[in-house]
């Protein structure tokens, strides 16, 4: 970097600097822009030292993150440590993903208690599973209860009462039974303060009969307590809605709670078991069935579980589909999925094997389907090119609503958020997705307005943040690095707790290593981006771009858009090429609008470009001459960079791309925009080596169609920006509500067709990564049109300049 030149540099202050905002080094040259301060010649701090080892991954990371590596003597060492940390974290997660099998899930004391109650089928009067009884004895908490570390009244009371019943039934560990009974009685009244939405799944069905069983064992539980009467009332209400005949004929969600039911026809019900022998993957329901029927398939299912979990039983098993889908989702949203492409493909291949026309359930072969897993599965499978039909959602549409499971009394916000996300990955004429989008957006908007975020299926630290982000940034405008930056803050890691009959945790989904890898990778990428931003500002100053109307804000917008879309460190050439092409095109557009307004002037300019030599610039005005030099220098520099990596000179192809763009600009009227999107797509695909001969690709029908549609929508987005009309994604038929489509139904249809061409058309027509570039660029333009200047300023600050700790 030249010491002769004063150029502006945006930076984020090191943590050790005791100031709330960066100050300009020189008042003469420093100035404030938006939420940032422009610094003169300030170096971007290097990433902090991070360490990770196989024995204690989390503790080592936490210790490493406290190290101060602002001293240049530590740079080489810390870069090496961070690299080693990344490698070890990646290796750990790959082991997790490659050994998912039926899912890693925590043990449920309630389900273990039901299994322990089974008498030996040989008639000896002893426990069939004595190891389950021993698990209960060994896992009582210090306060006398059983349950998850996160205290939930319903979870603790259900688990504790079931375990007390198990111990009393076998006259085992009376001291532990007495301690558990005392806890239960002391905390029972807390049920009266429990919100309906906070109850565990099926609590009103399975808790009342458990209370009756406890009373039969001599445990005194009051009959007249109002909160108990309310639970019994809810049970009666639920039973009134259960179609008794239907539940014996086809698999329904009530199979999950058979231990809470009476007067069952087991001959019919046994025909509704899964292939593994369970009743809707519930160990407690299956244990109850085994007690009633002595069915060998139930016994086989429970034997597998008790062996696998060393006496314990989870609240649901298997969770093979759920584990894989949510693991992929977490890795994608955290911005680290690129490290696990093969593992992700294996996960989604597995899920697709069990995909049906009615959707999927959390466990394979359940023959009951839920909206949550189906929505997540549809979105992830479609995004990776699998053939999935949106008619699957018709199965969940009931009287104008979409429900997760049949007989559901109230919807869950995270389920509807997943539906909303799925509905946006839409191809043309998929009307069911329009319905889903309309319903889900309005549902979520109402929840935000009423500040109601309690969820039926998960307890997570920032569900409000996830929903607010989800409805505020539609998928078309959702840039990968922006999403990752926010989701790192929303994600709870291992603290996420899932809700079944009892609370449970899933290692493939809720994992601190995911979070720490995301932070490591984010900070490494950000350090690279900050160095590139210094490069960009130097180039901006050396190219005299302010003279052509390109402000530092324009430059920052252009670089941010590229960095937020293509964030990987190895894509530096593409990122810089995108940003520089954008500002060069902007400077030329200003030139054609304000200086070279006549056909003659523009023809001379393009002739000068085709001459491809400085001697051909004699008839062009000075401003035009300097602009041509900027283009030629850019092409030359990019050609040199790509030659080093590809060992092929792409000068001619780059010239062709710019010449095509300039030709469209030749007949451009005042205020119109030449086809900048296609130019950027070509520059990206050339600089990455995805297209070695652009002319061959230009004649492909799919490529031409994608180019036309992308330019068409992106030019309209530019026009919105120019008119300072922010797109807030409102459709007139939405009764004043927004659901992620934009005002122009024509633009919405074009975006849907772009998505279809990218995700569905055969890859032999156009390389998948080439097609993906069109969608990436279109989404970037959408983002700029959708987000206000204040929102973009906030995102720039977070993504480029705020380090994750």
Foldseek 3Di string as FASTA:
>chain_A
DDPVDWFWAWFFDDPPDPDPADDEPDPVRWDDDFRHTTYTPDDHAADFAAAADDPDGPVRRVVRNPDDDRDPVCRVVRVVRLVVNLVVLLVVLLVCLVPQVLFDKDFQLLLLLLQQPAACPVPPRHGVQVQSLVVLVVQQDPQLWHADPDDDLQQGLNNLLSNLLSCLVVVHPVVSSVSSLVVNVVRVLCLVVDDPLRHFPCSLQQVVVSVVSSVVSVRDDDPPRPSVVVSPVVNVVLVVPDPLVVVLAAQFPCLLPQNSDDDHDLVSNQVLAFPQLGRLQASSSLSVSCNVPVDPSSVSNVVVQCVVVVSGHHRGIRQLLVLLLLLCVLCQLLPNCVSPVVSNVVSLVVNVVQQDLQAQPRGGRNSFFFLQSRLSNLQVCLVQQHDDAPNNQVNQDDPLAGGGGPSDDDHFLNSLLSLLLSLLLFFPPNVVSVSSLLRSQVVLVVCLVVVPHSGNWKDFDPSVQVSVVSNQADPLQDFSLLSSLSVLVRAPAQPMWTGHSHIMTTCSNRHVSSSSSSQSQLSNLLSLLSVVSVVQRVLCVVLVLVVLVQDVVNLLLLLVLLCSHDRHSVLSLLSSLRSLLVSLLVSVLSCCQPPVVDLVQLVLLLQLLVVLDLVSCPVHDPVSSSSSVSLSVSLVVLQVLLCVVPVDGCSVVLSVLVSVQSVQVSPDHRPFHTQSLVSSLSSNCCSVVVDVHVVVLCPQPLSVLLSVLLSVLLRVLVSLVVVVNAWQQDDPVSVPTHRRHTDDPVNSNSLSNLSCSQNHDDCVSPPNVSSVSSSSSSSSSNNVRHDHPSVVSVSSCSSNHDRDD
